[in-house]
């Protein structure tokens, strides 16, 4: 994991020490992102670089149009915010063909941010791994139904192949390992990805 120190984070983003820890108290930044490590000066705080930079950028962009309380509710999934299927076309991570395929398989009317995060992962995996239409249909029909049952965001979705069959596993651990006969196609922390989508498309989720 690529880390960034607290000092470097404050310098790069221009935020203050007080802002950083206020956002922590407001639950805009997960406590588990504050990683304590020993250094020659004692103990220093580090963060997962890519995640924290994206999150801080989103908060700065939206804090003047959305209250910190509203942002916290989105990021901690305390709201039941969803978007209707006809609004999926506004999610630039999905394209028209994928949405058309989805509508022919999934008859649900509303989609949570976590559902959409999984769908963006499926689309990326399908392109990178050149999945067949049967494999893609299986991911949407079975894997998506599995994800929809999840009530908490702190799960990692991993898509993998056994032979020609594609599967989804949900776990609490990002370090899950498989034997060499299994090909991992992609892995995503659903809550984190959903939070980023919720912030990016806050107008669709009625912030």
N, C-alpha and C. Protein backbone atom coordinates (compact mmCIF):
# COMPACT_ATOMS: atom_id res chain seq x y z
N UNK A 1 0.84 -1.19 0.00
CA UNK A 1 0.00 0.00 0.00
C UNK A 1 0.89 1.25 0.00
N UNK A 2 0.59 2.18 -0.91
CA UNK A 2 1.34 3.43 -1.00
C UNK A 2 0.80 4.39 0.05
N UNK A 3 1.66 4.87 0.96
CA UNK A 3 1.24 5.71 2.06
C UNK A 3 1.72 7.15 1.87
N UNK A 4 1.02 8.06 2.52
CA UNK A 4 1.42 9.46 2.56
C UNK A 4 1.40 9.91 4.02
N UNK A 5 2.41 10.66 4.44
CA UNK A 5 2.46 11.10 5.83
C UNK A 5 1.46 12.23 6.07
N UNK A 6 1.10 12.43 7.33
CA UNK A 6 0.18 13.51 7.68
C UNK A 6 0.74 14.86 7.26
N UNK A 7 2.02 15.08 7.51
CA UNK A 7 2.65 16.35 7.15
C UNK A 7 2.57 16.59 5.65
N UNK A 8 2.87 15.55 4.88
CA UNK A 8 2.83 15.69 3.42
C UNK A 8 1.40 15.90 2.94
N UNK A 9 0.45 15.21 3.56
CA UNK A 9 -0.96 15.36 3.19
C UNK A 9 -1.42 16.80 3.38
N UNK A 10 -1.09 17.39 4.52
CA UNK A 10 -1.49 18.76 4.80
C UNK A 10 -0.84 19.73 3.81
N UNK A 11 0.40 19.46 3.44
CA UNK A 11 1.11 20.33 2.49
C UNK A 11 0.50 20.22 1.10
N UNK A 12 0.26 19.00 0.65
CA UNK A 12 -0.24 18.77 -0.72
C UNK A 12 -1.66 19.31 -0.89
N UNK A 13 -2.51 19.09 0.11
CA UNK A 13 -3.94 19.45 -0.02
C UNK A 13 -4.24 20.87 0.44
N UNK A 14 -3.37 21.43 1.29
CA UNK A 14 -3.61 22.78 1.80
C UNK A 14 -4.60 22.85 2.94
N UNK A 15 -5.01 21.70 3.46
CA UNK A 15 -5.94 21.71 4.60
C UNK A 15 -5.14 21.84 5.89
N UNK A 16 -5.83 22.18 6.96
CA UNK A 16 -5.17 22.37 8.24
C UNK A 16 -5.27 21.10 9.09
N UNK A 17 -4.45 21.06 10.13
CA UNK A 17 -4.51 19.97 11.11
C UNK A 17 -5.91 19.91 11.71
N UNK A 18 -6.47 21.07 12.03
CA UNK A 18 -7.80 21.12 12.63
C UNK A 18 -8.87 20.56 11.71
N UNK A 19 -8.81 20.93 10.41
CA UNK A 19 -9.79 20.40 9.45
C UNK A 19 -9.71 18.89 9.36
N UNK A 20 -8.49 18.38 9.27
CA UNK A 20 -8.30 16.94 9.13
C UNK A 20 -8.95 16.19 10.28
N UNK A 21 -8.71 16.65 11.48
CA UNK A 21 -9.25 15.92 12.64
C UNK A 21 -10.73 16.22 12.89
N UNK A 22 -11.19 17.35 12.41
CA UNK A 22 -12.64 17.59 12.47
C UNK A 22 -13.36 16.62 11.53
N UNK A 23 -12.81 16.45 10.34
CA UNK A 23 -13.41 15.52 9.38
C UNK A 23 -13.37 14.09 9.90
N UNK A 24 -12.34 13.79 10.67
CA UNK A 24 -12.28 12.48 11.31
C UNK A 24 -13.41 12.33 12.32
N UNK A 25 -13.60 13.36 13.17
CA UNK A 25 -14.67 13.32 14.18
C UNK A 25 -16.03 13.27 13.53
N UNK A 26 -16.17 13.93 12.37
CA UNK A 26 -17.45 13.94 11.66
C UNK A 26 -17.66 12.67 10.83
N UNK A 27 -16.67 11.77 10.86
CA UNK A 27 -16.72 10.49 10.16
C UNK A 27 -16.66 10.63 8.64
N UNK A 28 -16.11 11.74 8.18
CA UNK A 28 -15.90 11.91 6.75
C UNK A 28 -14.67 11.14 6.29
N UNK A 29 -13.74 10.95 7.20
CA UNK A 29 -12.54 10.17 6.93
C UNK A 29 -12.50 9.01 7.93
N UNK A 30 -12.47 7.77 7.45
CA UNK A 30 -12.49 6.61 8.37
C UNK A 30 -11.32 6.61 9.33
N UNK A 31 -11.59 6.25 10.56
CA UNK A 31 -10.53 6.21 11.56
C UNK A 31 -9.44 5.23 11.19
N UNK A 32 -9.81 4.14 10.51
CA UNK A 32 -8.81 3.13 10.14
C UNK A 32 -7.83 3.63 9.09
N UNK A 33 -8.11 4.77 8.47
CA UNK A 33 -7.16 5.35 7.52
C UNK A 33 -6.01 6.06 8.23
N UNK A 34 -6.15 6.33 9.53
CA UNK A 34 -5.10 6.98 10.32
C UNK A 34 -4.17 5.87 10.83
N UNK A 35 -3.07 5.68 10.15
CA UNK A 35 -2.17 4.56 10.43
C UNK A 35 -0.94 5.06 11.19
N UNK A 36 -0.78 4.56 12.40
CA UNK A 36 0.38 4.95 13.21
C UNK A 36 1.57 4.06 12.90
N UNK A 37 2.71 4.69 12.63
CA UNK A 37 3.95 3.94 12.37
C UNK A 37 5.11 4.61 13.08
N UNK A 38 6.07 3.79 13.48
CA UNK A 38 7.25 4.32 14.15
C UNK A 38 8.16 5.01 13.14
N UNK A 39 8.78 6.09 13.57
CA UNK A 39 9.76 6.80 12.74
C UNK A 39 10.90 7.25 13.63
N UNK A 40 11.93 7.84 13.03
CA UNK A 40 13.10 8.24 13.81
C UNK A 40 12.77 9.38 14.78
N UNK A 41 11.64 10.05 14.57
CA UNK A 41 11.22 11.13 15.47
C UNK A 41 10.21 10.63 16.51
N UNK A 42 9.87 9.37 16.46
CA UNK A 42 8.88 8.81 17.39
C UNK A 42 7.82 8.06 16.63
N UNK A 43 6.57 8.53 16.71
CA UNK A 43 5.47 7.90 16.00
C UNK A 43 4.84 8.90 15.05
N UNK A 44 4.57 8.46 13.85
CA UNK A 44 4.02 9.37 12.83
C UNK A 44 2.76 8.76 12.24
N UNK A 45 1.85 9.62 11.80
CA UNK A 45 0.59 9.17 11.20
C UNK A 45 0.70 9.17 9.69
N UNK A 46 0.28 8.07 9.10
CA UNK A 46 0.26 7.93 7.64
C UNK A 46 -1.16 7.58 7.19
N UNK A 47 -1.40 7.73 5.89
CA UNK A 47 -2.70 7.43 5.30
C UNK A 47 -2.50 6.66 3.99
N UNK A 48 -3.49 5.84 3.61
CA UNK A 48 -3.44 5.25 2.26
C UNK A 48 -3.55 6.39 1.24
N UNK A 49 -2.50 6.57 0.46
CA UNK A 49 -2.33 7.79 -0.33
C UNK A 49 -3.47 8.04 -1.31
N UNK A 50 -3.77 7.07 -2.15
CA UNK A 50 -4.76 7.29 -3.20
C UNK A 50 -6.13 7.59 -2.60
N UNK A 51 -6.51 6.80 -1.57
CA UNK A 51 -7.83 6.97 -0.97
C UNK A 51 -7.99 8.31 -0.29
N UNK A 52 -6.99 8.70 0.51
CA UNK A 52 -7.12 9.95 1.27
C UNK A 52 -7.11 11.16 0.36
N UNK A 53 -6.29 11.14 -0.69
CA UNK A 53 -6.24 12.29 -1.59
C UNK A 53 -7.57 12.46 -2.34
N UNK A 54 -8.16 11.35 -2.75
CA UNK A 54 -9.47 11.42 -3.42
C UNK A 54 -10.53 11.94 -2.48
N UNK A 55 -10.51 11.42 -1.24
CA UNK A 55 -11.53 11.79 -0.27
C UNK A 55 -11.43 13.27 0.10
N UNK A 56 -10.23 13.75 0.38
CA UNK A 56 -10.05 15.16 0.74
C UNK A 56 -10.47 16.06 -0.42
N UNK A 57 -10.10 15.69 -1.63
CA UNK A 57 -10.47 16.47 -2.81
C UNK A 57 -11.99 16.57 -2.94
N UNK A 58 -12.69 15.45 -2.71
CA UNK A 58 -14.15 15.43 -2.80
C UNK A 58 -14.78 16.29 -1.71
N UNK A 59 -14.27 16.19 -0.50
CA UNK A 59 -14.82 16.96 0.61
C UNK A 59 -14.66 18.46 0.35
N UNK A 60 -13.47 18.86 -0.09
CA UNK A 60 -13.20 20.27 -0.39
C UNK A 60 -14.15 20.78 -1.47
N UNK A 61 -14.37 19.95 -2.48
CA UNK A 61 -15.22 20.35 -3.61
C UNK A 61 -16.68 20.51 -3.18
N UNK A 62 -17.13 19.67 -2.23
CA UNK A 62 -18.56 19.61 -1.91
C UNK A 62 -18.96 20.27 -0.60
N UNK A 63 -18.00 20.63 0.24
CA UNK A 63 -18.36 21.10 1.58
C UNK A 63 -19.14 22.42 1.58
N UNK A 64 -19.07 23.19 0.49
CA UNK A 64 -19.81 24.44 0.43
C UNK A 64 -21.23 24.25 -0.11
N UNK A 65 -21.51 23.09 -0.68
CA UNK A 65 -22.85 22.84 -1.22
C UNK A 65 -23.58 21.74 -0.46
N UNK A 66 -22.89 21.05 0.42
CA UNK A 66 -23.46 19.95 1.20
C UNK A 66 -22.87 20.07 2.60
N UNK A 67 -23.71 20.01 3.64
CA UNK A 67 -23.19 20.13 5.00
C UNK A 67 -22.33 18.92 5.35
N UNK A 68 -21.43 19.11 6.34
CA UNK A 68 -20.58 18.00 6.77
C UNK A 68 -21.44 16.85 7.30
N UNK A 69 -22.55 17.19 7.94
CA UNK A 69 -23.45 16.15 8.45
C UNK A 69 -24.05 15.34 7.32
N UNK A 70 -24.45 16.03 6.26
CA UNK A 70 -25.02 15.33 5.10
C UNK A 70 -23.97 14.45 4.44
N UNK A 71 -22.75 14.99 4.29
CA UNK A 71 -21.67 14.21 3.69
C UNK A 71 -21.36 12.98 4.54
N UNK A 72 -21.37 13.15 5.85
CA UNK A 72 -21.08 12.02 6.75
C UNK A 72 -22.13 10.93 6.59
N UNK A 73 -23.39 11.32 6.43
CA UNK A 73 -24.45 10.33 6.28
C UNK A 73 -24.28 9.54 4.99
N UNK A 74 -23.85 10.24 3.95
CA UNK A 74 -23.61 9.54 2.68
C UNK A 74 -22.46 8.56 2.82
N UNK A 75 -21.36 9.04 3.41
CA UNK A 75 -20.14 8.24 3.48
C UNK A 75 -20.23 7.09 4.47
N UNK A 76 -21.12 7.21 5.47
CA UNK A 76 -21.27 6.12 6.45
C UNK A 76 -22.56 5.35 6.21
N UNK A 77 -23.23 5.62 5.10
CA UNK A 77 -24.41 4.86 4.69
C UNK A 77 -25.52 4.91 5.73
N UNK A 78 -25.70 6.09 6.35
CA UNK A 78 -26.78 6.25 7.31
C UNK A 78 -28.07 6.68 6.62
N UNK A 79 -28.02 6.87 5.33
CA UNK A 79 -29.24 7.18 4.59
C UNK A 79 -29.56 6.00 3.69
N UNK A 80 -30.79 5.94 3.27
CA UNK A 80 -31.21 4.87 2.36
C UNK A 80 -31.27 5.41 0.93
N UNK A 81 -30.40 6.37 0.65
CA UNK A 81 -30.42 7.03 -0.65
C UNK A 81 -30.19 6.04 -1.79
N UNK A 82 -31.01 6.15 -2.79
CA UNK A 82 -30.87 5.32 -3.99
C UNK A 82 -31.14 6.20 -5.20
N UNK A 83 -30.81 5.68 -6.37
CA UNK A 83 -31.21 6.36 -7.60
C UNK A 83 -31.99 5.37 -8.44
N UNK A 84 -32.85 5.88 -9.25
CA UNK A 84 -33.68 5.03 -10.11
C UNK A 84 -32.90 4.56 -11.32
N UNK A 85 -33.35 3.47 -11.90
CA UNK A 85 -32.66 2.88 -13.03
C UNK A 85 -32.49 3.83 -14.20
N UNK A 86 -33.46 4.73 -14.39
CA UNK A 86 -33.36 5.64 -15.54
C UNK A 86 -32.27 6.70 -15.34
N UNK A 87 -31.73 6.82 -14.11
CA UNK A 87 -30.66 7.78 -13.85
C UNK A 87 -29.27 7.16 -13.99
N UNK A 88 -29.22 5.86 -14.22
CA UNK A 88 -27.92 5.21 -14.37
C UNK A 88 -27.14 5.78 -15.55
N UNK A 89 -27.85 6.30 -16.52
CA UNK A 89 -27.19 6.88 -17.70
C UNK A 89 -26.33 8.08 -17.33
N UNK A 90 -26.57 8.64 -16.14
CA UNK A 90 -25.77 9.79 -15.68
C UNK A 90 -24.48 9.37 -14.98
N UNK A 91 -24.32 8.06 -14.76
CA UNK A 91 -23.10 7.54 -14.15
C UNK A 91 -22.10 7.28 -15.27
N UNK A 92 -21.09 8.12 -15.38
CA UNK A 92 -20.19 8.03 -16.54
C UNK A 92 -19.34 6.77 -16.52
N UNK A 93 -19.22 6.10 -15.34
CA UNK A 93 -18.46 4.86 -15.27
C UNK A 93 -19.20 3.70 -15.96
N UNK A 94 -20.49 3.88 -16.23
CA UNK A 94 -21.28 2.88 -16.95
C UNK A 94 -21.60 3.42 -18.34
N UNK A 95 -21.74 2.52 -19.30
CA UNK A 95 -22.08 3.00 -20.65
C UNK A 95 -23.45 2.47 -21.06
N UNK A 96 -23.94 2.95 -22.18
CA UNK A 96 -25.29 2.64 -22.64
C UNK A 96 -25.49 1.14 -22.86
N UNK A 97 -24.51 0.48 -23.46
CA UNK A 97 -24.65 -0.96 -23.72
C UNK A 97 -24.71 -1.76 -22.43
N UNK A 98 -23.89 -1.37 -21.45
CA UNK A 98 -23.88 -2.09 -20.18
C UNK A 98 -25.21 -1.89 -19.46
N UNK A 99 -25.73 -0.67 -19.45
CA UNK A 99 -27.00 -0.38 -18.79
C UNK A 99 -28.14 -1.14 -19.46
N UNK A 100 -28.08 -1.23 -20.79
CA UNK A 100 -29.10 -1.97 -21.52
C UNK A 100 -29.06 -3.45 -21.16
N UNK A 101 -27.86 -4.01 -21.05
CA UNK A 101 -27.71 -5.39 -20.64
C UNK A 101 -28.23 -5.59 -19.23
N UNK A 102 -27.90 -4.67 -18.34
CA UNK A 102 -28.35 -4.74 -16.95
C UNK A 102 -29.87 -4.72 -16.85
N UNK A 103 -30.50 -3.84 -17.61
CA UNK A 103 -31.97 -3.72 -17.54
C UNK A 103 -32.67 -4.97 -18.03
N UNK A 104 -32.01 -5.74 -18.90
CA UNK A 104 -32.60 -6.98 -19.38
C UNK A 104 -32.46 -8.13 -18.41
N UNK A 105 -31.58 -7.98 -17.42
CA UNK A 105 -31.34 -9.05 -16.44
C UNK A 105 -31.90 -8.70 -15.07
N UNK A 106 -31.64 -7.49 -14.63
CA UNK A 106 -32.03 -7.06 -13.29
C UNK A 106 -33.28 -6.20 -13.37
N UNK A 107 -34.33 -6.60 -12.66
CA UNK A 107 -35.61 -5.90 -12.74
C UNK A 107 -35.83 -4.94 -11.57
N UNK A 108 -34.79 -4.72 -10.76
CA UNK A 108 -34.92 -3.81 -9.63
C UNK A 108 -35.08 -2.38 -10.14
N UNK A 109 -35.80 -1.58 -9.37
CA UNK A 109 -36.08 -0.21 -9.77
C UNK A 109 -35.01 0.75 -9.27
N UNK A 110 -34.54 0.55 -8.04
CA UNK A 110 -33.61 1.49 -7.42
C UNK A 110 -32.26 0.85 -7.12
N UNK A 111 -31.21 1.70 -7.13
CA UNK A 111 -29.85 1.22 -6.94
C UNK A 111 -29.15 2.05 -5.87
N UNK A 112 -28.53 1.38 -4.91
CA UNK A 112 -27.70 2.05 -3.91
C UNK A 112 -26.33 2.36 -4.51
N UNK A 113 -25.59 3.24 -3.83
CA UNK A 113 -24.24 3.55 -4.29
C UNK A 113 -23.37 2.29 -4.29
N UNK A 114 -23.57 1.41 -3.28
CA UNK A 114 -22.78 0.20 -3.22
C UNK A 114 -23.10 -0.74 -4.39
N UNK A 115 -24.37 -0.77 -4.80
CA UNK A 115 -24.75 -1.57 -5.98
C UNK A 115 -24.04 -1.04 -7.22
N UNK A 116 -24.03 0.27 -7.36
CA UNK A 116 -23.41 0.88 -8.53
C UNK A 116 -21.90 0.68 -8.52
N UNK A 117 -21.30 0.74 -7.32
CA UNK A 117 -19.86 0.49 -7.21
C UNK A 117 -19.52 -0.90 -7.74
N UNK A 118 -20.33 -1.89 -7.37
CA UNK A 118 -20.10 -3.25 -7.85
C UNK A 118 -20.27 -3.33 -9.37
N UNK A 119 -21.28 -2.65 -9.89
CA UNK A 119 -21.52 -2.68 -11.34
C UNK A 119 -20.36 -2.05 -12.11
N UNK A 120 -19.79 -0.98 -11.60
CA UNK A 120 -18.64 -0.38 -12.27
C UNK A 120 -17.45 -1.34 -12.26
N UNK A 121 -17.32 -2.09 -11.16
CA UNK A 121 -16.25 -3.09 -11.08
C UNK A 121 -16.47 -4.18 -12.12
N UNK A 122 -17.72 -4.65 -12.24
CA UNK A 122 -18.06 -5.70 -13.21
C UNK A 122 -17.73 -5.24 -14.62
N UNK A 123 -18.10 -4.01 -14.93
CA UNK A 123 -17.83 -3.50 -16.27
C UNK A 123 -16.33 -3.46 -16.57
N UNK A 124 -15.54 -2.97 -15.60
CA UNK A 124 -14.09 -2.90 -15.79
C UNK A 124 -13.48 -4.28 -15.96
N UNK A 125 -13.92 -5.22 -15.12
CA UNK A 125 -13.41 -6.59 -15.19
C UNK A 125 -13.76 -7.23 -16.53
N UNK A 126 -14.99 -7.01 -16.98
CA UNK A 126 -15.45 -7.60 -18.24
C UNK A 126 -14.59 -7.14 -19.41
N UNK A 127 -14.20 -5.87 -19.38
CA UNK A 127 -13.37 -5.32 -20.46
C UNK A 127 -11.94 -5.86 -20.38
N UNK A 128 -11.36 -5.78 -19.18
CA UNK A 128 -9.96 -6.18 -19.00
C UNK A 128 -9.76 -7.67 -19.24
N UNK A 129 -10.71 -8.49 -18.77
CA UNK A 129 -10.57 -9.94 -18.88
C UNK A 129 -11.24 -10.50 -20.13
N UNK A 130 -11.86 -9.61 -20.93
CA UNK A 130 -12.54 -10.02 -22.16
C UNK A 130 -13.54 -11.15 -21.87
N UNK A 131 -14.41 -10.92 -20.90
CA UNK A 131 -15.39 -11.94 -20.52
C UNK A 131 -16.40 -12.16 -21.63
N UNK A 132 -16.87 -13.38 -21.72
CA UNK A 132 -17.91 -13.70 -22.70
C UNK A 132 -19.25 -13.14 -22.20
N UNK A 133 -20.23 -13.09 -23.09
CA UNK A 133 -21.55 -12.58 -22.71
C UNK A 133 -22.16 -13.47 -21.63
N UNK A 134 -21.90 -14.79 -21.69
CA UNK A 134 -22.44 -15.71 -20.67
C UNK A 134 -21.81 -15.42 -19.31
N UNK A 135 -20.51 -15.17 -19.29
CA UNK A 135 -19.82 -14.86 -18.03
C UNK A 135 -20.31 -13.53 -17.45
N UNK A 136 -20.48 -12.56 -18.32
CA UNK A 136 -20.96 -11.26 -17.87
C UNK A 136 -22.38 -11.36 -17.33
N UNK A 137 -23.22 -12.10 -18.02
CA UNK A 137 -24.60 -12.29 -17.55
C UNK A 137 -24.61 -12.97 -16.18
N UNK A 138 -23.72 -13.94 -15.99
CA UNK A 138 -23.65 -14.65 -14.71
C UNK A 138 -23.24 -13.71 -13.58
N UNK A 139 -22.27 -12.84 -13.87
CA UNK A 139 -21.82 -11.88 -12.87
C UNK A 139 -22.95 -10.96 -12.44
N UNK A 140 -23.71 -10.49 -13.40
CA UNK A 140 -24.80 -9.57 -13.09
C UNK A 140 -25.95 -10.30 -12.40
N UNK A 141 -26.30 -11.47 -12.93
CA UNK A 141 -27.46 -12.18 -12.41
C UNK A 141 -27.22 -12.76 -11.01
N UNK A 142 -26.07 -13.39 -10.80
CA UNK A 142 -25.79 -14.06 -9.52
C UNK A 142 -24.98 -13.17 -8.57
N UNK A 143 -23.89 -12.64 -9.07
CA UNK A 143 -23.02 -11.83 -8.22
C UNK A 143 -23.71 -10.58 -7.72
N UNK A 144 -24.45 -9.92 -8.60
CA UNK A 144 -25.12 -8.68 -8.22
C UNK A 144 -26.21 -8.94 -7.18
N UNK A 145 -26.92 -10.05 -7.33
CA UNK A 145 -27.94 -10.41 -6.34
C UNK A 145 -27.30 -10.62 -4.97
N UNK A 146 -26.12 -11.19 -4.96
CA UNK A 146 -25.36 -11.43 -3.73
C UNK A 146 -25.00 -10.11 -3.06
N UNK A 147 -24.51 -9.17 -3.87
CA UNK A 147 -24.12 -7.86 -3.33
C UNK A 147 -25.32 -7.11 -2.79
N UNK A 148 -26.44 -7.19 -3.47
CA UNK A 148 -27.65 -6.48 -3.04
C UNK A 148 -28.09 -6.90 -1.63
N UNK A 149 -27.74 -8.12 -1.22
CA UNK A 149 -28.15 -8.61 0.09
C UNK A 149 -27.33 -8.00 1.22
N UNK A 150 -26.19 -7.39 0.88
CA UNK A 150 -25.30 -6.86 1.90
C UNK A 150 -25.85 -5.55 2.48
N UNK A 151 -25.85 -5.48 3.81
CA UNK A 151 -26.39 -4.31 4.49
C UNK A 151 -25.31 -3.36 5.00
N UNK A 152 -24.08 -3.84 5.10
CA UNK A 152 -22.99 -2.99 5.60
C UNK A 152 -21.97 -2.78 4.48
N UNK A 153 -21.31 -1.62 4.48
CA UNK A 153 -20.39 -1.29 3.39
C UNK A 153 -18.98 -1.84 3.54
N UNK A 154 -18.64 -2.35 4.75
CA UNK A 154 -17.24 -2.74 4.99
C UNK A 154 -16.94 -4.14 4.49
N UNK A 155 -17.19 -4.35 3.19
CA UNK A 155 -16.90 -5.64 2.57
C UNK A 155 -16.05 -5.43 1.33
N UNK A 156 -15.25 -6.42 1.02
CA UNK A 156 -14.41 -6.40 -0.18
C UNK A 156 -15.01 -7.38 -1.19
N UNK A 157 -15.24 -6.90 -2.38
CA UNK A 157 -15.75 -7.76 -3.45
C UNK A 157 -14.59 -8.21 -4.32
N UNK A 158 -14.47 -9.51 -4.51
CA UNK A 158 -13.43 -10.07 -5.37
C UNK A 158 -14.08 -10.94 -6.45
N UNK A 159 -13.72 -10.68 -7.68
CA UNK A 159 -14.23 -11.47 -8.81
C UNK A 159 -13.11 -12.36 -9.31
N UNK A 160 -13.43 -13.65 -9.49
CA UNK A 160 -12.38 -14.59 -9.90
C UNK A 160 -12.93 -15.66 -10.83
N UNK A 161 -12.02 -16.32 -11.51
CA UNK A 161 -12.36 -17.39 -12.44
C UNK A 161 -11.89 -18.74 -11.91
N UNK A 162 -12.73 -19.75 -12.04
CA UNK A 162 -12.30 -21.14 -11.85
C UNK A 162 -12.65 -21.85 -13.15
N UNK A 163 -11.64 -22.15 -13.94
CA UNK A 163 -11.90 -22.65 -15.28
C UNK A 163 -12.53 -21.54 -16.09
N UNK A 164 -13.74 -21.80 -16.63
CA UNK A 164 -14.45 -20.78 -17.39
C UNK A 164 -15.57 -20.14 -16.57
N UNK A 165 -15.72 -20.57 -15.32
CA UNK A 165 -16.80 -20.04 -14.49
C UNK A 165 -16.33 -18.85 -13.67
N UNK A 166 -17.13 -17.79 -13.69
CA UNK A 166 -16.80 -16.57 -12.96
C UNK A 166 -17.60 -16.50 -11.67
N UNK A 167 -16.94 -16.06 -10.59
CA UNK A 167 -17.58 -16.04 -9.28
C UNK A 167 -17.28 -14.73 -8.56
N UNK A 168 -18.10 -14.47 -7.52
CA UNK A 168 -17.88 -13.31 -6.66
C UNK A 168 -17.79 -13.81 -5.22
N UNK A 169 -16.79 -13.32 -4.49
CA UNK A 169 -16.69 -13.59 -3.06
C UNK A 169 -16.67 -12.26 -2.34
N UNK A 170 -17.41 -12.17 -1.22
CA UNK A 170 -17.42 -10.98 -0.38
C UNK A 170 -16.74 -11.32 0.93
N UNK A 171 -15.83 -10.46 1.36
CA UNK A 171 -15.06 -10.75 2.57
C UNK A 171 -14.83 -9.47 3.35
N UNK A 172 -14.34 -9.62 4.58
CA UNK A 172 -13.99 -8.48 5.42
C UNK A 172 -12.51 -8.13 5.27
N UNK A 173 -11.78 -8.92 4.52
CA UNK A 173 -10.32 -8.81 4.49
C UNK A 173 -9.85 -8.56 3.06
N UNK A 174 -9.01 -7.54 2.89
CA UNK A 174 -8.48 -7.24 1.56
C UNK A 174 -7.34 -8.17 1.16
N UNK A 175 -6.85 -8.97 2.11
CA UNK A 175 -5.68 -9.80 1.83
C UNK A 175 -6.06 -11.26 1.57
N UNK A 176 -7.29 -11.51 1.17
CA UNK A 176 -7.73 -12.87 0.89
C UNK A 176 -6.87 -13.48 -0.23
N UNK A 177 -6.49 -14.74 -0.06
CA UNK A 177 -5.62 -15.41 -1.03
C UNK A 177 -6.29 -16.67 -1.58
N UNK A 178 -5.99 -16.97 -2.83
CA UNK A 178 -6.53 -18.14 -3.50
C UNK A 178 -5.38 -19.02 -3.97
N UNK A 179 -5.68 -20.28 -4.23
CA UNK A 179 -4.63 -21.14 -4.77
C UNK A 179 -4.40 -20.81 -6.23
N UNK A 180 -3.34 -21.37 -6.80
CA UNK A 180 -2.89 -20.98 -8.14
C UNK A 180 -3.85 -21.38 -9.26
N UNK A 181 -4.79 -22.26 -8.96
CA UNK A 181 -5.74 -22.67 -10.00
C UNK A 181 -6.83 -21.63 -10.23
N UNK A 182 -6.90 -20.63 -9.35
CA UNK A 182 -7.94 -19.61 -9.42
C UNK A 182 -7.32 -18.30 -9.92
N UNK A 183 -7.96 -17.68 -10.89
CA UNK A 183 -7.49 -16.43 -11.45
C UNK A 183 -8.33 -15.27 -10.92
N UNK A 184 -7.70 -14.39 -10.14
CA UNK A 184 -8.40 -13.22 -9.60
C UNK A 184 -8.46 -12.14 -10.68
N UNK A 185 -9.67 -11.66 -10.96
CA UNK A 185 -9.86 -10.66 -12.01
C UNK A 185 -9.93 -9.24 -11.48
N UNK A 186 -10.33 -9.11 -10.23
CA UNK A 186 -10.43 -7.77 -9.66
C UNK A 186 -10.91 -7.81 -8.23
N UNK A 187 -10.57 -6.77 -7.48
CA UNK A 187 -10.98 -6.68 -6.08
C UNK A 187 -11.29 -5.23 -5.76
N UNK A 188 -12.32 -4.99 -4.95
CA UNK A 188 -12.75 -3.63 -4.66
C UNK A 188 -13.36 -3.54 -3.27
N UNK A 189 -12.95 -2.53 -2.49
CA UNK A 189 -13.59 -2.25 -1.21
C UNK A 189 -14.89 -1.50 -1.53
N UNK A 190 -16.01 -2.17 -1.41
CA UNK A 190 -17.27 -1.63 -1.90
C UNK A 190 -17.68 -0.34 -1.20
N UNK A 191 -17.54 -0.30 0.13
CA UNK A 191 -17.95 0.89 0.86
C UNK A 191 -17.17 2.12 0.45
N UNK A 192 -15.86 1.94 0.29
CA UNK A 192 -15.00 3.06 -0.10
C UNK A 192 -15.37 3.55 -1.50
N UNK A 193 -15.54 2.62 -2.43
CA UNK A 193 -15.90 2.99 -3.80
C UNK A 193 -17.28 3.64 -3.84
N UNK A 194 -18.20 3.10 -3.04
CA UNK A 194 -19.55 3.65 -2.99
C UNK A 194 -19.54 5.06 -2.42
N UNK A 195 -18.70 5.29 -1.41
CA UNK A 195 -18.59 6.62 -0.83
C UNK A 195 -18.11 7.63 -1.85
N UNK A 196 -17.12 7.24 -2.63
CA UNK A 196 -16.59 8.13 -3.67
C UNK A 196 -17.64 8.43 -4.74
N UNK A 197 -18.42 7.41 -5.10
CA UNK A 197 -19.49 7.61 -6.08
C UNK A 197 -20.57 8.52 -5.52
N UNK A 198 -20.91 8.33 -4.24
CA UNK A 198 -21.94 9.15 -3.60
C UNK A 198 -21.54 10.61 -3.58
N UNK A 199 -20.26 10.86 -3.32
CA UNK A 199 -19.78 12.23 -3.32
C UNK A 199 -19.76 12.82 -4.73
N UNK A 200 -19.31 12.02 -5.68
CA UNK A 200 -19.20 12.49 -7.06
C UNK A 200 -20.57 12.80 -7.65
N UNK A 201 -21.55 11.95 -7.32
CA UNK A 201 -22.89 12.09 -7.90
C UNK A 201 -23.91 12.46 -6.82
N UNK A 202 -23.53 13.35 -5.91
CA UNK A 202 -24.39 13.68 -4.79
C UNK A 202 -25.74 14.22 -5.24
N UNK A 203 -25.77 14.90 -6.38
CA UNK A 203 -27.03 15.45 -6.86
C UNK A 203 -28.02 14.34 -7.23
N UNK A 204 -27.51 13.20 -7.64
CA UNK A 204 -28.39 12.07 -7.98
C UNK A 204 -28.92 11.38 -6.74
N UNK A 205 -28.13 11.45 -5.64
CA UNK A 205 -28.53 10.81 -4.40
C UNK A 205 -29.24 11.77 -3.45
N UNK A 206 -29.68 12.90 -3.97
CA UNK A 206 -30.47 13.86 -3.21
C UNK A 206 -29.80 14.35 -1.95
N UNK A 207 -28.51 14.71 -2.06
CA UNK A 207 -27.80 15.27 -0.91
C UNK A 207 -28.39 16.63 -0.57
